[in-house]
Amino acid sequence: MRNGALWGVLGLEGGDPSRIIAKGSWLYDGSVRCGVIIQREEVWPAFFDPEDDPNVEDKVMPCVSIWYENPGGGHTFEAGGGYCHTVEEAKVKVEDTLGSRVEWEK
């Protein structure tokens, strides 16, 4: 994975690659190797789902976000996997979501 290729896609213009605290790979459709990253965040965003309370606001708190690489190539990370409190929780969520084992690099 090339860290520089993903910042614009993640909406992290001018972002700092040191925010990536875990990265790994998995096989999409059993044959296409794709990346996944977990990065450190300082804000847990409020999601404005129509069923959510309209008064919900972002929470300033340490957390992590999950991003999946596009299986079409280009080293873009367009699919967000949500937010978790810890990297350990995020890794479990990633493997549960994918239904397969992830090879974690760091």
PDB file of N, CA and C in Angstrom:
ATOM      1  N   MET A   1       0.845  -1.188   0.000  1.00  0.00           N
ATOM      2  CA  MET A   1       0.000   0.000   0.000  1.00  0.00           C
ATOM      3  C   MET A   1       0.882   1.239   0.000  1.00  0.00           C
ATOM      4  N   ARG A   2       0.472   2.209  -0.735  1.00  0.00           N
ATOM      5  CA  ARG A   2       1.203   3.466  -0.769  1.00  0.00           C
ATOM      6  C   ARG A   2       0.398   4.496  -0.001  1.00  0.00           C
ATOM      7  N   ASN A   3       0.895   4.912   1.160  1.00  0.00           N
ATOM      8  CA  ASN A   3       0.157   5.834   2.022  1.00  0.00           C
ATOM      9  C   ASN A   3      -0.205   7.128   1.326  1.00  0.00           C
ATOM     10  N   GLY A   4       0.673   7.682   0.503  1.00  0.00           N
ATOM     11  CA  GLY A   4       0.399   8.950  -0.141  1.00  0.00           C
ATOM     12  C   GLY A   4      -0.806   8.906  -1.052  1.00  0.00           C
ATOM     13  N   ALA A   5      -1.168   7.751  -1.590  1.00  0.00           N
ATOM     14  CA  ALA A   5      -2.268   7.644  -2.537  1.00  0.00           C
ATOM     15  C   ALA A   5      -3.629   7.701  -1.865  1.00  0.00           C
ATOM     16  N   LEU A   6      -3.703   7.557  -0.570  1.00  0.00           N
ATOM     17  CA  LEU A   6      -5.014   7.427   0.049  1.00  0.00           C
ATOM     18  C   LEU A   6      -5.522   8.679   0.739  1.00  0.00           C
ATOM     19  N   TRP A   7      -4.708   9.688   0.953  1.00  0.00           N
ATOM     20  CA  TRP A   7      -5.155  10.816   1.779  1.00  0.00           C
ATOM     21  C   TRP A   7      -6.290  11.617   1.162  1.00  0.00           C
ATOM     22  N   GLY A   8      -6.244  11.907  -0.126  1.00  0.00           N
ATOM     23  CA  GLY A   8      -7.329  12.661  -0.747  1.00  0.00           C
ATOM     24  C   GLY A   8      -8.631  11.901  -0.726  1.00  0.00           C
ATOM     25  N   VAL A   9      -8.587  10.591  -0.959  1.00  0.00           N
ATOM     26  CA  VAL A   9      -9.791   9.769  -0.972  1.00  0.00           C
ATOM     27  C   VAL A   9     -10.434   9.731   0.399  1.00  0.00           C
ATOM     28  N   LEU A  10      -9.608   9.734   1.438  1.00  0.00           N
ATOM     29  CA  LEU A  10     -10.148   9.688   2.789  1.00  0.00           C
ATOM     30  C   LEU A  10     -10.616  11.060   3.264  1.00  0.00           C
ATOM     31  N   GLY A  11     -10.437  12.057   2.445  1.00  0.00           N
ATOM     32  CA  GLY A  11     -10.813  13.394   2.887  1.00  0.00           C
ATOM     33  C   GLY A  11      -9.817  13.952   3.879  1.00  0.00           C
ATOM     34  N   LEU A  12      -8.569  13.517   3.771  1.00  0.00           N
ATOM     35  CA  LEU A  12      -7.549  13.921   4.733  1.00  0.00           C
ATOM     36  C   LEU A  12      -6.476  14.757   4.047  1.00  0.00           C
ATOM     37  N   GLU A  13      -6.891  15.746   3.283  1.00  0.00           N
ATOM     38  CA  GLU A  13      -5.940  16.593   2.600  1.00  0.00           C
ATOM     39  C   GLU A  13      -4.917  17.100   3.611  1.00  0.00           C
ATOM     40  N   GLY A  14      -3.660  16.950   3.263  1.00  0.00           N
ATOM     41  CA  GLY A  14      -2.607  17.372   4.178  1.00  0.00           C
ATOM     42  C   GLY A  14      -2.484  16.451   5.373  1.00  0.00           C
ATOM     43  N   GLY A  15      -3.051  15.284   5.262  1.00  0.00           N
ATOM     44  CA  GLY A  15      -3.050  14.336   6.371  1.00  0.00           C
ATOM     45  C   GLY A  15      -1.665  13.829   6.717  1.00  0.00           C
ATOM     46  N   ASP A  16      -1.575  13.215   7.851  1.00  0.00           N
ATOM     47  CA  ASP A  16      -0.310  12.725   8.373  1.00  0.00           C
ATOM     48  C   ASP A  16      -0.333  11.199   8.363  1.00  0.00           C
ATOM     49  N   PRO A  17       0.535  10.561   7.546  1.00  0.00           N
ATOM     50  CA  PRO A  17       0.545   9.096   7.492  1.00  0.00           C
ATOM     51  C   PRO A  17       0.821   8.443   8.850  1.00  0.00           C
ATOM     52  N   SER A  18       1.361   9.193   9.790  1.00  0.00           N
ATOM     53  CA  SER A  18       1.615   8.609  11.115  1.00  0.00           C
ATOM     54  C   SER A  18       0.322   8.310  11.865  1.00  0.00           C
ATOM     55  N   ARG A  19      -0.824   8.785  11.351  1.00  0.00           N
ATOM     56  CA  ARG A  19      -2.116   8.474  11.985  1.00  0.00           C
ATOM     57  C   ARG A  19      -2.529   7.032  11.750  1.00  0.00           C
ATOM     58  N   ILE A  20      -1.914   6.372  10.768  1.00  0.00           N
ATOM     59  CA  ILE A  20      -2.222   4.963  10.525  1.00  0.00           C
ATOM     60  C   ILE A  20      -1.561   4.141  11.623  1.00  0.00           C
ATOM     61  N   ILE A  21      -2.386   3.446  12.397  1.00  0.00           N
ATOM     62  CA  ILE A  21      -1.839   2.677  13.512  1.00  0.00           C
ATOM     63  C   ILE A  21      -1.902   1.174  13.266  1.00  0.00           C
ATOM     64  N   ALA A  22      -2.606   0.766  12.223  1.00  0.00           N
ATOM     65  CA  ALA A  22      -2.621  -0.647  11.841  1.00  0.00           C
ATOM     66  C   ALA A  22      -2.986  -0.732  10.370  1.00  0.00           C
ATOM     67  N   LYS A  23      -2.349  -1.652   9.674  1.00  0.00           N
ATOM     68  CA  LYS A  23      -2.739  -1.907   8.297  1.00  0.00           C
ATOM     69  C   LYS A  23      -2.568  -3.384   8.012  1.00  0.00           C
ATOM     70  N   GLY A  24      -3.396  -3.856   7.118  1.00  0.00           N
ATOM     71  CA  GLY A  24      -3.358  -5.272   6.795  1.00  0.00           C
ATOM     72  C   GLY A  24      -3.919  -5.515   5.417  1.00  0.00           C
ATOM     73  N   SER A  25      -4.018  -6.779   5.056  1.00  0.00           N
ATOM     74  CA  SER A  25      -4.575  -7.137   3.762  1.00  0.00           C
ATOM     75  C   SER A  25      -5.428  -8.387   3.893  1.00  0.00           C
ATOM     76  N   TRP A  26      -6.318  -8.555   2.933  1.00  0.00           N
ATOM     77  CA  TRP A  26      -7.241  -9.685   2.903  1.00  0.00           C
ATOM     78  C   TRP A  26      -7.554  -9.990   1.449  1.00  0.00           C
ATOM     79  N   LEU A  27      -8.157 -11.121   1.198  1.00  0.00           N
ATOM     80  CA  LEU A  27      -8.474 -11.516  -0.172  1.00  0.00           C
ATOM     81  C   LEU A  27      -9.944 -11.262  -0.474  1.00  0.00           C
ATOM     82  N   TYR A  28     -10.190 -10.320  -1.376  1.00  0.00           N
ATOM     83  CA  TYR A  28     -11.535 -10.043  -1.854  1.00  0.00           C
ATOM     84  C   TYR A  28     -11.905 -11.130  -2.856  1.00  0.00           C
ATOM     85  N   ASP A  29     -13.059 -11.719  -2.702  1.00  0.00           N
ATOM     86  CA  ASP A  29     -13.537 -12.773  -3.588  1.00  0.00           C
ATOM     87  C   ASP A  29     -12.553 -13.944  -3.655  1.00  0.00           C
ATOM     88  N   GLY A  30     -11.762 -14.097  -2.595  1.00  0.00           N
ATOM     89  CA  GLY A  30     -10.836 -15.219  -2.501  1.00  0.00           C
ATOM     90  C   GLY A  30      -9.584 -15.109  -3.340  1.00  0.00           C
ATOM     91  N   SER A  31      -9.448 -14.017  -4.138  1.00  0.00           N
ATOM     92  CA  SER A  31      -8.277 -13.959  -5.010  1.00  0.00           C
ATOM     93  C   SER A  31      -7.656 -12.574  -5.183  1.00  0.00           C
ATOM     94  N   VAL A  32      -8.368 -11.498  -4.877  1.00  0.00           N
ATOM     95  CA  VAL A  32      -7.850 -10.149  -5.090  1.00  0.00           C
ATOM     96  C   VAL A  32      -7.388  -9.573  -3.754  1.00  0.00           C
ATOM     97  N   ARG A  33      -6.078  -9.350  -3.632  1.00  0.00           N
ATOM     98  CA  ARG A  33      -5.540  -8.817  -2.376  1.00  0.00           C
ATOM     99  C   ARG A  33      -5.918  -7.349  -2.234  1.00  0.00           C
ATOM    100  N   CYS A  34      -6.541  -7.002  -1.101  1.00  0.00           N
ATOM    101  CA  CYS A  34      -6.966  -5.632  -0.809  1.00  0.00           C
ATOM    102  C   CYS A  34      -6.462  -5.230   0.570  1.00  0.00           C
ATOM    103  N   GLY A  35      -6.246  -3.949   0.726  1.00  0.00           N
ATOM    104  CA  GLY A  35      -5.763  -3.432   1.997  1.00  0.00           C
ATOM    105  C   GLY A  35      -6.879  -2.933   2.886  1.00  0.00           C
ATOM    106  N   VAL A  36      -6.542  -2.838   4.155  1.00  0.00           N
ATOM    107  CA  VAL A  36      -7.424  -2.225   5.141  1.00  0.00           C
ATOM    108  C   VAL A  36      -6.520  -1.450   6.096  1.00  0.00           C
ATOM    109  N   ILE A  37      -6.957  -0.253   6.480  1.00  0.00           N
ATOM    110  CA  ILE A  37      -6.189   0.514   7.448  1.00  0.00           C
ATOM    111  C   ILE A  37      -7.078   0.918   8.614  1.00  0.00           C
ATOM    112  N   ILE A  38      -6.430   1.080   9.741  1.00  0.00           N
ATOM    113  CA  ILE A  38      -7.068   1.612  10.943  1.00  0.00           C
ATOM    114  C   ILE A  38      -6.243   2.830  11.317  1.00  0.00           C
ATOM    115  N   GLN A  39      -6.927   3.953  11.461  1.00  0.00           N
ATOM    116  CA  GLN A  39      -6.185   5.169  11.780  1.00  0.00           C
ATOM    117  C   GLN A  39      -6.738   5.874  13.003  1.00  0.00           C
ATOM    118  N   ARG A  40      -5.853   6.563  13.679  1.00  0.00           N
ATOM    119  CA  ARG A  40      -6.188   7.300  14.898  1.00  0.00           C
ATOM    120  C   ARG A  40      -7.015   8.530  14.548  1.00  0.00           C
ATOM    121  N   GLU A  41      -8.040   8.785  15.340  1.00  0.00           N
ATOM    122  CA  GLU A  41      -8.898   9.957  15.174  1.00  0.00           C
ATOM    123  C   GLU A  41      -9.033  10.668  16.522  1.00  0.00           C
ATOM    124  N   GLU A  42      -9.437  11.914  16.459  1.00  0.00           N
ATOM    125  CA  GLU A  42      -9.664  12.687  17.685  1.00  0.00           C
ATOM    126  C   GLU A  42     -11.136  13.028  17.873  1.00  0.00           C
ATOM    127  N   VAL A  43     -11.952  12.746  16.853  1.00  0.00           N
ATOM    128  CA  VAL A  43     -13.381  13.077  16.907  1.00  0.00           C
ATOM    129  C   VAL A  43     -14.191  11.876  16.438  1.00  0.00           C
ATOM    130  N   TRP A  44     -15.183  11.506  17.227  1.00  0.00           N
ATOM    131  CA  TRP A  44     -16.157  10.483  16.838  1.00  0.00           C
ATOM    132  C   TRP A  44     -17.324  11.245  16.215  1.00  0.00           C
ATOM    133  N   PRO A  45     -17.499  11.135  14.885  1.00  0.00           N
ATOM    134  CA  PRO A  45     -18.517  11.971  14.237  1.00  0.00           C
ATOM    135  C   PRO A  45     -19.943  11.526  14.534  1.00  0.00           C
ATOM    136  N   ALA A  46     -20.818  12.505  14.550  1.00  0.00           N
ATOM    137  CA  ALA A  46     -22.250  12.217  14.659  1.00  0.00           C
ATOM    138  C   ALA A  46     -22.735  11.800  13.270  1.00  0.00           C
ATOM    139  N   PHE A  47     -23.464  10.734  13.220  1.00  0.00           N
ATOM    140  CA  PHE A  47     -24.000  10.273  11.947  1.00  0.00           C
ATOM    141  C   PHE A  47     -25.448  10.709  11.875  1.00  0.00           C
ATOM    142  N   PHE A  48     -25.795  11.390  10.822  1.00  0.00           N
ATOM    143  CA  PHE A  48     -27.130  11.964  10.719  1.00  0.00           C
ATOM    144  C   PHE A  48     -28.072  11.064   9.944  1.00  0.00           C
ATOM    145  N   ASP A  49     -28.224   9.854  10.439  1.00  0.00           N
ATOM    146  CA  ASP A  49     -29.198   8.904   9.911  1.00  0.00           C
ATOM    147  C   ASP A  49     -30.586   9.439  10.283  1.00  0.00           C
ATOM    148  N   PRO A  50     -31.562   9.329   9.400  1.00  0.00           N
ATOM    149  CA  PRO A  50     -32.903   9.836   9.717  1.00  0.00           C
ATOM    150  C   PRO A  50     -33.485   9.286  11.012  1.00  0.00           C
ATOM    151  N   GLU A  51     -33.012   8.117  11.434  1.00  0.00           N
ATOM    152  CA  GLU A  51     -33.532   7.528  12.668  1.00  0.00           C
ATOM    153  C   GLU A  51     -32.782   8.013  13.906  1.00  0.00           C
ATOM    154  N   ASP A  52     -31.662   8.729  13.718  1.00  0.00           N
ATOM    155  CA  ASP A  52     -30.886   9.231  14.849  1.00  0.00           C
ATOM    156  C   ASP A  52     -31.527  10.483  15.429  1.00  0.00           C
ATOM    157  N   ASP A  53     -31.157  10.763  16.642  1.00  0.00           N
ATOM    158  CA  ASP A  53     -31.578  11.992  17.303  1.00  0.00           C
ATOM    159  C   ASP A  53     -30.980  13.178  16.534  1.00  0.00           C
ATOM    160  N   PRO A  54     -31.781  14.130  16.073  1.00  0.00           N
ATOM    161  CA  PRO A  54     -31.258  15.255  15.284  1.00  0.00           C
ATOM    162  C   PRO A  54     -30.348  16.188  16.090  1.00  0.00           C
ATOM    163  N   ASN A  55     -30.328  16.053  17.397  1.00  0.00           N
ATOM    164  CA  ASN A  55     -29.505  16.919  18.240  1.00  0.00           C
ATOM    165  C   ASN A  55     -28.137  16.315  18.561  1.00  0.00           C
ATOM    166  N   VAL A  56     -27.832  15.167  17.975  1.00  0.00           N
ATOM    167  CA  VAL A  56     -26.556  14.510  18.232  1.00  0.00           C
ATOM    168  C   VAL A  56     -25.432  15.342  17.627  1.00  0.00           C
ATOM    169  N   GLU A  57     -24.342  15.490  18.377  1.00  0.00           N
ATOM    170  CA  GLU A  57     -23.190  16.242  17.901  1.00  0.00           C
ATOM    171  C   GLU A  57     -21.949  15.368  17.919  1.00  0.00           C
ATOM    172  N   ASP A  58     -20.938  15.778  17.147  1.00  0.00           N
ATOM    173  CA  ASP A  58     -19.659  15.083  17.180  1.00  0.00           C
ATOM    174  C   ASP A  58     -19.132  15.073  18.612  1.00  0.00           C
ATOM    175  N   LYS A  59     -18.398  14.003  18.944  1.00  0.00           N
ATOM    176  CA  LYS A  59     -17.800  13.897  20.275  1.00  0.00           C
ATOM    177  C   LYS A  59     -16.283  13.965  20.137  1.00  0.00           C
ATOM    178  N   VAL A  60     -15.671  14.881  20.844  1.00  0.00           N
ATOM    179  CA  VAL A  60     -14.216  14.957  20.866  1.00  0.00           C
ATOM    180  C   VAL A  60     -13.732  13.899  21.842  1.00  0.00           C
ATOM    181  N   MET A  61     -13.079  12.882  21.270  1.00  0.00           N
ATOM    182  CA  MET A  61     -12.595  11.761  22.070  1.00  0.00           C
ATOM    183  C   MET A  61     -11.642  10.924  21.230  1.00  0.00           C
ATOM    184  N   PRO A  62     -10.676  10.280  21.845  1.00  0.00           N
ATOM    185  CA  PRO A  62      -9.793   9.410  21.064  1.00  0.00           C
ATOM    186  C   PRO A  62     -10.570   8.188  20.561  1.00  0.00           C
ATOM    187  N   CYS A  63     -10.363   7.869  19.290  1.00  0.00           N
ATOM    188  CA  CYS A  63     -11.016   6.718  18.682  1.00  0.00           C
ATOM    189  C   CYS A  63     -10.227   6.332  17.434  1.00  0.00           C
ATOM    190  N   VAL A  64     -10.691   5.337  16.706  1.00  0.00           N
ATOM    191  CA  VAL A  64     -10.045   4.922  15.464  1.00  0.00           C
ATOM    192  C   VAL A  64     -11.109   4.752  14.382  1.00  0.00           C
ATOM    193  N   SER A  65     -10.686   4.938  13.120  1.00  0.00           N
ATOM    194  CA  SER A  65     -11.584   4.704  11.993  1.00  0.00           C
ATOM    195  C   SER A  65     -11.006   3.589  11.128  1.00  0.00           C
ATOM    196  N   ILE A  66     -11.895   2.912  10.404  1.00  0.00           N
ATOM    197  CA  ILE A  66     -11.521   1.784   9.547  1.00  0.00           C
ATOM    198  C   ILE A  66     -11.776   2.184   8.100  1.00  0.00           C
ATOM    199  N   TRP A  67     -10.817   1.858   7.204  1.00  0.00           N
ATOM    200  CA  TRP A  67     -10.956   2.148   5.784  1.00  0.00           C
ATOM    201  C   TRP A  67     -10.524   0.944   4.969  1.00  0.00           C
ATOM    202  N   TYR A  68     -11.336   0.590   3.970  1.00  0.00           N
ATOM    203  CA  TYR A  68     -11.063  -0.559   3.101  1.00  0.00           C
ATOM    204  C   TYR A  68     -10.613  -0.087   1.724  1.00  0.00           C
ATOM    205  N   GLU A  69      -9.602  -0.755   1.184  1.00  0.00           N
ATOM    206  CA  GLU A  69      -9.112  -0.438  -0.154  1.00  0.00           C
ATOM    207  C   GLU A  69     -10.105  -0.917  -1.203  1.00  0.00           C
ATOM    208  N   ASN A  70     -10.261  -0.118  -2.251  1.00  0.00           N
ATOM    209  CA  ASN A  70     -11.115  -0.467  -3.367  1.00  0.00           C
ATOM    210  C   ASN A  70     -10.529  -1.677  -4.092  1.00  0.00           C
ATOM    211  N   PRO A  71     -11.286  -2.761  -4.258  1.00  0.00           N
ATOM    212  CA  PRO A  71     -10.742  -3.934  -4.944  1.00  0.00           C
ATOM    213  C   PRO A  71     -10.475  -3.697  -6.426  1.00  0.00           C
ATOM    214  N   GLY A  72     -10.930  -2.591  -6.980  1.00  0.00           N
ATOM    215  CA  GLY A  72     -10.695  -2.282  -8.383  1.00  0.00           C
ATOM    216  C   GLY A  72      -9.299  -1.768  -8.676  1.00  0.00           C
ATOM    217  N   GLY A  73      -8.484  -1.635  -7.656  1.00  0.00           N
ATOM    218  CA  GLY A  73      -7.118  -1.163  -7.851  1.00  0.00           C
ATOM    219  C   GLY A  73      -6.981   0.316  -7.589  1.00  0.00           C
ATOM    220  N   GLY A  74      -5.803   0.811  -7.866  1.00  0.00           N
ATOM    221  CA  GLY A  74      -5.542   2.232  -7.693  1.00  0.00           C
ATOM    222  C   GLY A  74      -5.164   2.630  -6.286  1.00  0.00           C
ATOM    223  N   HIS A  75      -5.096   1.714  -5.374  1.00  0.00           N
ATOM    224  CA  HIS A  75      -4.731   1.989  -3.980  1.00  0.00           C
ATOM    225  C   HIS A  75      -5.578   3.100  -3.367  1.00  0.00           C
ATOM    226  N   THR A  76      -6.880   3.087  -3.651  1.00  0.00           N
ATOM    227  CA  THR A  76      -7.787   4.058  -3.055  1.00  0.00           C
ATOM    228  C   THR A  76      -8.575   3.378  -1.943  1.00  0.00           C
ATOM    229  N   PHE A  77      -8.847   4.129  -0.904  1.00  0.00           N
ATOM    230  CA  PHE A  77      -9.554   3.615   0.270  1.00  0.00           C
ATOM    231  C   PHE A  77     -10.875   4.371   0.395  1.00  0.00           C
ATOM    232  N   GLU A  78     -11.865   3.930  -0.371  1.00  0.00           N
ATOM    233  CA  GLU A  78     -13.127   4.649  -0.456  1.00  0.00           C
ATOM    234  C   GLU A  78     -14.188   4.162   0.521  1.00  0.00           C
ATOM    235  N   ALA A  79     -14.087   2.950   0.985  1.00  0.00           N
ATOM    236  CA  ALA A  79     -15.139   2.376   1.824  1.00  0.00           C
ATOM    237  C   ALA A  79     -14.771   2.500   3.296  1.00  0.00           C
ATOM    238  N   GLY A  80     -15.545   3.286   4.001  1.00  0.00           N
ATOM    239  CA  GLY A  80     -15.333   3.433   5.438  1.00  0.00           C
ATOM    240  C   GLY A  80     -15.995   2.303   6.190  1.00  0.00           C
ATOM    241  N   GLY A  81     -15.310   1.821   7.202  1.00  0.00           N
ATOM    242  CA  GLY A  81     -15.830   0.721   7.995  1.00  0.00           C
ATOM    243  C   GLY A  81     -16.325   1.140   9.359  1.00  0.00           C
ATOM    244  N   GLY A  82     -16.413   2.441   9.578  1.00  0.00           N
ATOM    245  CA  GLY A  82     -16.930   2.918  10.846  1.00  0.00           C
ATOM    246  C   GLY A  82     -15.848   3.292  11.838  1.00  0.00           C
ATOM    247  N   TYR A  83     -16.284   3.507  13.064  1.00  0.00           N
ATOM    248  CA  TYR A  83     -15.417   3.967  14.145  1.00  0.00           C
ATOM    249  C   TYR A  83     -15.478   2.982  15.298  1.00  0.00           C
ATOM    250  N   CYS A  84     -14.375   2.872  16.019  1.00  0.00           N
ATOM    251  CA  CYS A  84     -14.287   2.016  17.202  1.00  0.00           C
ATOM    252  C   CYS A  84     -13.513   2.764  18.286  1.00  0.00           C
ATOM    253  N   HIS A  85     -13.632   2.264  19.494  1.00  0.00           N
ATOM    254  CA  HIS A  85     -12.912   2.889  20.613  1.00  0.00           C
ATOM    255  C   HIS A  85     -11.436   2.544  20.627  1.00  0.00           C
ATOM    256  N   THR A  86     -11.074   1.325  20.216  1.00  0.00           N
ATOM    257  CA  THR A  86      -9.683   0.879  20.270  1.00  0.00           C
ATOM    258  C   THR A  86      -9.295   0.167  18.987  1.00  0.00           C
ATOM    259  N   VAL A  87      -7.993   0.054  18.747  1.00  0.00           N
ATOM    260  CA  VAL A  87      -7.512  -0.666  17.571  1.00  0.00           C
ATOM    261  C   VAL A  87      -7.869  -2.147  17.666  1.00  0.00           C
ATOM    262  N   GLU A  88      -7.837  -2.710  18.869  1.00  0.00           N
ATOM    263  CA  GLU A  88      -8.201  -4.110  19.049  1.00  0.00           C
ATOM    264  C   GLU A  88      -9.655  -4.355  18.669  1.00  0.00           C
ATOM    265  N   GLU A  89     -10.525  -3.465  19.112  1.00  0.00           N
ATOM    266  CA  GLU A  89     -11.952  -3.567  18.765  1.00  0.00           C
ATOM    267  C   GLU A  89     -12.135  -3.437  17.244  1.00  0.00           C
ATOM    268  N   ALA A  90     -11.371  -2.534  16.632  1.00  0.00           N
ATOM    269  CA  ALA A  90     -11.470  -2.337  15.189  1.00  0.00           C
ATOM    270  C   ALA A  90     -11.020  -3.576  14.422  1.00  0.00           C
ATOM    271  N   LYS A  91      -9.944  -4.215  14.862  1.00  0.00           N
ATOM    272  CA  LYS A  91      -9.468  -5.420  14.180  1.00  0.00           C
ATOM    273  C   LYS A  91     -10.507  -6.530  14.232  1.00  0.00           C
ATOM    274  N   VAL A  92     -11.153  -6.692  15.369  1.00  0.00           N
ATOM    275  CA  VAL A  92     -12.214  -7.697  15.490  1.00  0.00           C
ATOM    276  C   VAL A  92     -13.366  -7.346  14.557  1.00  0.00           C
ATOM    277  N   LYS A  93     -13.745  -6.075  14.519  1.00  0.00           N
ATOM    278  CA  LYS A  93     -14.845  -5.633  13.653  1.00  0.00           C
ATOM    279  C   LYS A  93     -14.512  -5.887  12.187  1.00  0.00           C
ATOM    280  N   VAL A  94     -13.268  -5.601  11.779  1.00  0.00           N
ATOM    281  CA  VAL A  94     -12.851  -5.818  10.392  1.00  0.00           C
ATOM    282  C   VAL A  94     -13.000  -7.292  10.029  1.00  0.00           C
ATOM    283  N   GLU A  95     -12.464  -8.178  10.852  1.00  0.00           N
ATOM    284  CA  GLU A  95     -12.511  -9.607  10.528  1.00  0.00           C
ATOM    285  C   GLU A  95     -13.934 -10.144  10.574  1.00  0.00           C
ATOM    286  N   ASP A  96     -14.749  -9.642  11.492  1.00  0.00           N
ATOM    287  CA  ASP A  96     -16.156 -10.053  11.536  1.00  0.00           C
ATOM    288  C   ASP A  96     -16.895  -9.575  10.280  1.00  0.00           C
ATOM    289  N   THR A  97     -16.627  -8.348   9.861  1.00  0.00           N
ATOM    290  CA  THR A  97     -17.282  -7.783   8.677  1.00  0.00           C
ATOM    291  C   THR A  97     -16.888  -8.532   7.419  1.00  0.00           C
ATOM    292  N   LEU A  98     -15.601  -8.817   7.284  1.00  0.00           N
ATOM    293  CA  LEU A  98     -15.108  -9.481   6.080  1.00  0.00           C
ATOM    294  C   LEU A  98     -15.395 -10.975   6.073  1.00  0.00           C
ATOM    295  N   GLY A  99     -15.540 -11.553   7.241  1.00  0.00           N
ATOM    296  CA  GLY A  99     -15.748 -12.992   7.323  1.00  0.00           C
ATOM    297  C   GLY A  99     -14.506 -13.783   6.948  1.00  0.00           C
ATOM    298  N   SER A 100     -13.355 -13.110   7.005  1.00  0.00           N
ATOM    299  CA  SER A 100     -12.101 -13.788   6.701  1.00  0.00           C
ATOM    300  C   SER A 100     -10.979 -13.206   7.548  1.00  0.00           C
ATOM    301  N   ARG A 101      -9.900 -13.935   7.571  1.00  0.00           N
ATOM    302  CA  ARG A 101      -8.741 -13.506   8.355  1.00  0.00           C
ATOM    303  C   ARG A 101      -7.995 -12.409   7.610  1.00  0.00           C
ATOM    304  N   VAL A 102      -7.508 -11.440   8.358  1.00  0.00           N
ATOM    305  CA  VAL A 102      -6.704 -10.345   7.816  1.00  0.00           C
ATOM    306  C   VAL A 102      -5.265 -10.552   8.263  1.00  0.00           C
ATOM    307  N   GLU A 103      -4.337 -10.361   7.356  1.00  0.00           N
ATOM    308  CA  GLU A 103      -2.915 -10.393   7.697  1.00  0.00           C
ATOM    309  C   GLU A 103      -2.514  -8.981   8.091  1.00  0.00           C
ATOM    310  N   TRP A 104      -2.305  -8.755   9.402  1.00  0.00           N
ATOM    311  CA  TRP A 104      -1.978  -7.425   9.912  1.00  0.00           C
ATOM    312  C   TRP A 104      -0.474  -7.216   9.850  1.00  0.00           C
ATOM    313  N   GLU A 105      -0.061  -6.045   9.315  1.00  0.00           N
ATOM    314  CA  GLU A 105       1.352  -5.691   9.215  1.00  0.00           C
ATOM    315  C   GLU A 105       1.869  -4.989  10.449  1.00  0.00           C
ATOM    316  N   LYS A 106       1.031  -4.181  11.066  1.00  0.00           N
ATOM    317  CA  LYS A 106       1.468  -3.461  12.260  1.00  0.00           C
ATOM    318  C   LYS A 106       0.295  -3.175  13.139  1.00  0.00           C
TER     319      LYS A 106
END
